[in-house]
Amino acid sequence: MAEGATTAAIYADATEEKYTFTGYRRFLDPDGYPAIAPPWGTLNAIDLKTGKYLWKISLGEYPELAAKD
């Protein structure tokens, strides 16, 4: 570390324009749909006294794919 230089200044110099973030790549199948089959998550209601599920709803579906079965 150079004398009198702050850590922030050294990191700023080290990372300046070395990397470019262009966004996240999506994992898609050849047709452009997510490559991971739905459901992608659930919405749950849990009884806090017993810790048991009261109900659970699956989230994530493409109507076009559901129609194709």
C-alpha atoms as a PDB file:
ATOM      1  CA  MET A   1       0.000   0.000   0.000  1.00  0.00           C
ATOM      2  CA  ALA A   2       1.381   3.387  -0.962  1.00  0.00           C
ATOM      3  CA  GLU A   3       2.124   5.669   1.951  1.00  0.00           C
ATOM      4  CA  GLY A   4      -0.756   8.042   2.638  1.00  0.00           C
ATOM      5  CA  ALA A   5      -3.130   6.260   0.210  1.00  0.00           C
ATOM      6  CA  THR A   6      -6.491   5.183   1.520  1.00  0.00           C
ATOM      7  CA  THR A   7      -7.842   1.689   0.974  1.00  0.00           C
ATOM      8  CA  ALA A   8     -10.804   3.101  -0.962  1.00  0.00           C
ATOM      9  CA  ALA A   9      -8.472   4.956  -3.338  1.00  0.00           C
ATOM     10  CA  ILE A  10      -6.416   1.808  -3.986  1.00  0.00           C
ATOM     11  CA  TYR A  11      -9.546  -0.268  -4.720  1.00  0.00           C
ATOM     12  CA  ALA A  12     -10.902   2.473  -6.988  1.00  0.00           C
ATOM     13  CA  ASP A  13      -7.685   2.404  -9.016  1.00  0.00           C
ATOM     14  CA  ALA A  14      -7.643  -1.402  -9.161  1.00  0.00           C
ATOM     15  CA  THR A  15     -11.214  -1.808 -10.420  1.00  0.00           C
ATOM     16  CA  GLU A  16     -11.542   1.198 -12.687  1.00  0.00           C
ATOM     17  CA  GLU A  17     -12.972   0.014 -16.021  1.00  0.00           C
ATOM     18  CA  LYS A  18     -11.517  -3.503 -15.783  1.00  0.00           C
ATOM     19  CA  TYR A  19     -14.909  -5.173 -15.634  1.00  0.00           C
ATOM     20  CA  THR A  20     -18.194  -4.442 -17.328  1.00  0.00           C
ATOM     21  CA  PHE A  21     -21.502  -5.722 -15.981  1.00  0.00           C
ATOM     22  CA  THR A  22     -23.946  -6.378 -18.793  1.00  0.00           C
ATOM     23  CA  GLY A  23     -26.698  -7.996 -16.719  1.00  0.00           C
ATOM     24  CA  TYR A  24     -27.584 -11.502 -15.757  1.00  0.00           C
ATOM     25  CA  ARG A  25     -27.905 -14.268 -18.312  1.00  0.00           C
ATOM     26  CA  ARG A  26     -31.157 -16.171 -18.121  1.00  0.00           C
ATOM     27  CA  PHE A  27     -31.146 -19.957 -18.283  1.00  0.00           C
ATOM     28  CA  LEU A  28     -33.605 -20.520 -21.147  1.00  0.00           C
ATOM     29  CA  ASP A  29     -34.579 -23.496 -23.298  1.00  0.00           C
ATOM     30  CA  PRO A  30     -34.401 -23.303 -27.122  1.00  0.00           C
ATOM     31  CA  ASP A  31     -37.980 -21.937 -27.246  1.00  0.00           C
ATOM     32  CA  GLY A  32     -37.138 -19.045 -24.901  1.00  0.00           C
ATOM     33  CA  TYR A  33     -38.926 -20.383 -21.816  1.00  0.00           C
ATOM     34  CA  PRO A  34     -37.136 -20.788 -18.464  1.00  0.00           C
ATOM     35  CA  ALA A  35     -35.161 -24.040 -18.534  1.00  0.00           C
ATOM     36  CA  ILE A  36     -36.284 -24.888 -15.005  1.00  0.00           C
ATOM     37  CA  ALA A  37     -39.791 -26.334 -14.902  1.00  0.00           C
ATOM     38  CA  PRO A  38     -42.472 -24.561 -12.888  1.00  0.00           C
ATOM     39  CA  PRO A  39     -43.479 -24.125 -10.134  1.00  0.00           C
ATOM     40  CA  TRP A  40     -40.695 -21.701  -9.278  1.00  0.00           C
ATOM     41  CA  GLY A  41     -41.863 -21.133  -5.736  1.00  0.00           C
ATOM     42  CA  THR A  42     -44.769 -21.371  -3.329  1.00  0.00           C
ATOM     43  CA  LEU A  43     -46.879 -19.050  -1.239  1.00  0.00           C
ATOM     44  CA  ASN A  44     -47.507 -20.654   2.143  1.00  0.00           C
ATOM     45  CA  ALA A  45     -49.644 -19.986   5.191  1.00  0.00           C
ATOM     46  CA  ILE A  46     -48.251 -21.525   8.382  1.00  0.00           C
ATOM     47  CA  ASP A  47     -50.014 -21.876  11.724  1.00  0.00           C
ATOM     48  CA  LEU A  48     -47.553 -20.231  14.105  1.00  0.00           C
ATOM     49  CA  LYS A  49     -48.851 -22.195  17.087  1.00  0.00           C
ATOM     50  CA  THR A  50     -48.376 -25.642  15.542  1.00  0.00           C
ATOM     51  CA  GLY A  51     -45.859 -24.949  12.753  1.00  0.00           C
ATOM     52  CA  LYS A  52     -48.056 -26.816  10.264  1.00  0.00           C
ATOM     53  CA  TYR A  53     -49.002 -25.616   6.792  1.00  0.00           C
ATOM     54  CA  LEU A  54     -52.534 -24.246   6.547  1.00  0.00           C
ATOM     55  CA  TRP A  55     -52.356 -23.955   2.766  1.00  0.00           C
ATOM     56  CA  LYS A  56     -49.778 -23.830  -0.037  1.00  0.00           C
ATOM     57  CA  ILE A  57     -50.129 -22.356  -3.548  1.00  0.00           C
ATOM     58  CA  SER A  58     -47.627 -23.046  -6.335  1.00  0.00           C
ATOM     59  CA  LEU A  59     -46.298 -19.981  -8.143  1.00  0.00           C
ATOM     60  CA  GLY A  60     -45.081 -19.801 -11.699  1.00  0.00           C
ATOM     61  CA  GLU A  61     -46.729 -21.013 -14.853  1.00  0.00           C
ATOM     62  CA  TYR A  62     -46.701 -20.192 -18.540  1.00  0.00           C
ATOM     63  CA  PRO A  63     -50.271 -20.467 -19.929  1.00  0.00           C
ATOM     64  CA  GLU A  64     -48.908 -21.473 -23.362  1.00  0.00           C
ATOM     65  CA  LEU A  65     -47.002 -24.383 -21.864  1.00  0.00           C
ATOM     66  CA  ALA A  66     -49.878 -25.425 -19.603  1.00  0.00           C
ATOM     67  CA  ALA A  67     -52.144 -25.588 -22.687  1.00  0.00           C
ATOM     68  CA  LYS A  68     -49.607 -27.899 -24.381  1.00  0.00           C
ATOM     69  CA  ASP A  69     -49.516 -30.058 -21.224  1.00  0.00           C
END
